Amino acid sequence: RSAPLQMGYVPDGLTPAEYERLKKKEAADSAANKKKFLNKPFERLDEWLIAREKKFPNKPGAGHRFVKLKYDMEKEENFTRN
């Protein structure tokens, strides 16, 4: 049997140790960001509107929030009912 490959990707300008530290830091930052939003309660529309009006008085359309879609809005089969 042959030995497994001992190669890996390391960006130019970084040593393998520096790249490992960078990957660990990015993974920790990602985990912290996910943890921040993990147990956030759902917000009702009326609560959101009241908070938005306090933060952006007399500015219609300000304070938008974007959400992920569960379905691809371009595909028609997502909207057909059986």
C-alpha atoms as a PDB file:
ATOM      1  CA  ARG A   1       0.000   0.000   0.000  1.00  0.00           C
ATOM      2  CA  SER A   2       1.111   3.521  -0.663  1.00  0.00           C
ATOM      3  CA  ALA A   3       1.310   6.221   1.981  1.00  0.00           C
ATOM      4  CA  PRO A   4      -1.467   8.836   2.049  1.00  0.00           C
ATOM      5  CA  LEU A   5      -0.747  12.172   0.449  1.00  0.00           C
ATOM      6  CA  GLN A   6       0.802  14.755   2.741  1.00  0.00           C
ATOM      7  CA  MET A   7      -0.079  17.791   0.647  1.00  0.00           C
ATOM      8  CA  GLY A   8      -2.455  20.612   1.434  1.00  0.00           C
ATOM      9  CA  TYR A   9      -3.450  24.066   0.293  1.00  0.00           C
ATOM     10  CA  VAL A  10      -1.581  27.021   1.800  1.00  0.00           C
ATOM     11  CA  PRO A  11      -2.134  30.509   0.342  1.00  0.00           C
ATOM     12  CA  ASP A  12       0.858  32.440  -0.973  1.00  0.00           C
ATOM     13  CA  GLY A  13       2.478  34.616   1.643  1.00  0.00           C
ATOM     14  CA  LEU A  14       1.484  32.408   4.606  1.00  0.00           C
ATOM     15  CA  THR A  15       3.299  29.592   6.293  1.00  0.00           C
ATOM     16  CA  PRO A  16       1.355  26.402   7.045  1.00  0.00           C
ATOM     17  CA  ALA A  17       1.295  27.316  10.762  1.00  0.00           C
ATOM     18  CA  GLU A  18      -0.044  30.816  10.029  1.00  0.00           C
ATOM     19  CA  TYR A  19      -2.721  29.371   7.752  1.00  0.00           C
ATOM     20  CA  GLU A  20      -3.798  26.883  10.449  1.00  0.00           C
ATOM     21  CA  ARG A  21      -4.115  29.730  12.975  1.00  0.00           C
ATOM     22  CA  LEU A  22      -6.151  31.746  10.472  1.00  0.00           C
ATOM     23  CA  LYS A  23      -8.506  28.817   9.786  1.00  0.00           C
ATOM     24  CA  LYS A  24      -8.986  28.205  13.535  1.00  0.00           C
ATOM     25  CA  LYS A  25      -9.726  31.898  14.140  1.00  0.00           C
ATOM     26  CA  GLU A  26     -12.261  31.996  11.280  1.00  0.00           C
ATOM     27  CA  ALA A  27     -13.927  28.815  12.570  1.00  0.00           C
ATOM     28  CA  ALA A  28     -14.164  30.301  16.083  1.00  0.00           C
ATOM     29  CA  ASP A  29     -15.617  33.555  14.713  1.00  0.00           C
ATOM     30  CA  SER A  30     -18.160  31.603  12.666  1.00  0.00           C
ATOM     31  CA  ALA A  31     -19.184  29.516  15.685  1.00  0.00           C
ATOM     32  CA  ALA A  32     -19.552  32.654  17.819  1.00  0.00           C
ATOM     33  CA  ASN A  33     -21.720  34.295  15.162  1.00  0.00           C
ATOM     34  CA  LYS A  34     -23.973  31.221  14.922  1.00  0.00           C
ATOM     35  CA  LYS A  35     -24.235  31.044  18.712  1.00  0.00           C
ATOM     36  CA  LYS A  36     -25.298  34.692  18.815  1.00  0.00           C
ATOM     37  CA  PHE A  37     -28.381  33.956  16.681  1.00  0.00           C
ATOM     38  CA  LEU A  38     -29.078  30.384  17.819  1.00  0.00           C
ATOM     39  CA  ASN A  39     -31.746  30.933  20.470  1.00  0.00           C
ATOM     40  CA  LYS A  40     -33.098  34.245  19.278  1.00  0.00           C
ATOM     41  CA  PRO A  41     -36.892  34.273  19.638  1.00  0.00           C
ATOM     42  CA  PHE A  42     -39.164  34.943  16.717  1.00  0.00           C
ATOM     43  CA  GLU A  43     -40.213  38.533  16.286  1.00  0.00           C
ATOM     44  CA  ARG A  44     -43.824  39.335  15.464  1.00  0.00           C
ATOM     45  CA  LEU A  45     -44.512  41.808  12.681  1.00  0.00           C
ATOM     46  CA  ASP A  46     -46.271  44.313  14.932  1.00  0.00           C
ATOM     47  CA  GLU A  47     -43.330  44.302  17.379  1.00  0.00           C
ATOM     48  CA  TRP A  48     -40.902  44.805  14.494  1.00  0.00           C
ATOM     49  CA  LEU A  49     -42.937  47.716  13.079  1.00  0.00           C
ATOM     50  CA  ILE A  50     -43.064  49.487  16.440  1.00  0.00           C
ATOM     51  CA  ALA A  51     -39.299  49.083  16.938  1.00  0.00           C
ATOM     52  CA  ARG A  52     -38.605  50.260  13.381  1.00  0.00           C
ATOM     53  CA  GLU A  53     -40.779  53.359  13.822  1.00  0.00           C
ATOM     54  CA  LYS A  54     -38.867  54.277  16.997  1.00  0.00           C
ATOM     55  CA  LYS A  55     -35.502  53.805  15.292  1.00  0.00           C
ATOM     56  CA  PHE A  56     -36.382  55.447  11.930  1.00  0.00           C
ATOM     57  CA  PRO A  57     -39.109  58.058  12.560  1.00  0.00           C
ATOM     58  CA  ASN A  58     -40.639  59.584   9.425  1.00  0.00           C
ATOM     59  CA  LYS A  59     -38.417  57.505   7.111  1.00  0.00           C
ATOM     60  CA  PRO A  60     -40.649  55.121   5.143  1.00  0.00           C
ATOM     61  CA  GLY A  61     -38.801  52.090   3.824  1.00  0.00           C
ATOM     62  CA  ALA A  62     -35.882  52.396   6.242  1.00  0.00           C
ATOM     63  CA  GLY A  63     -34.828  49.495   8.423  1.00  0.00           C
ATOM     64  CA  HIS A  64     -35.256  46.601   6.005  1.00  0.00           C
ATOM     65  CA  ARG A  65     -34.203  43.130   7.079  1.00  0.00           C
ATOM     66  CA  PHE A  66     -33.389  40.349   4.688  1.00  0.00           C
ATOM     67  CA  VAL A  67     -34.271  36.701   5.314  1.00  0.00           C
ATOM     68  CA  LYS A  68     -33.353  33.430   3.666  1.00  0.00           C
ATOM     69  CA  LEU A  69     -36.019  31.839   1.513  1.00  0.00           C
ATOM     70  CA  LYS A  70     -37.017  28.266   2.169  1.00  0.00           C
ATOM     71  CA  TYR A  71     -37.928  27.623  -1.468  1.00  0.00           C
ATOM     72  CA  ASP A  72     -36.551  28.754  -4.806  1.00  0.00           C
ATOM     73  CA  MET A  73     -39.012  31.431  -5.907  1.00  0.00           C
ATOM     74  CA  GLU A  74     -38.176  30.886  -9.592  1.00  0.00           C
ATOM     75  CA  LYS A  75     -39.375  27.280  -9.688  1.00  0.00           C
ATOM     76  CA  GLU A  76     -43.077  26.853 -10.264  1.00  0.00           C
ATOM     77  CA  GLU A  77     -43.240  23.367  -8.718  1.00  0.00           C
ATOM     78  CA  ASN A  78     -42.675  24.920  -5.280  1.00  0.00           C
ATOM     79  CA  PHE A  79     -46.098  26.548  -5.528  1.00  0.00           C
ATOM     80  CA  THR A  80     -48.234  23.744  -6.922  1.00  0.00           C
ATOM     81  CA  ARG A  81     -50.570  21.983  -4.537  1.00  0.00           C
ATOM     82  CA  ASN A  82     -51.354  18.275  -4.664  1.00  0.00           C
END
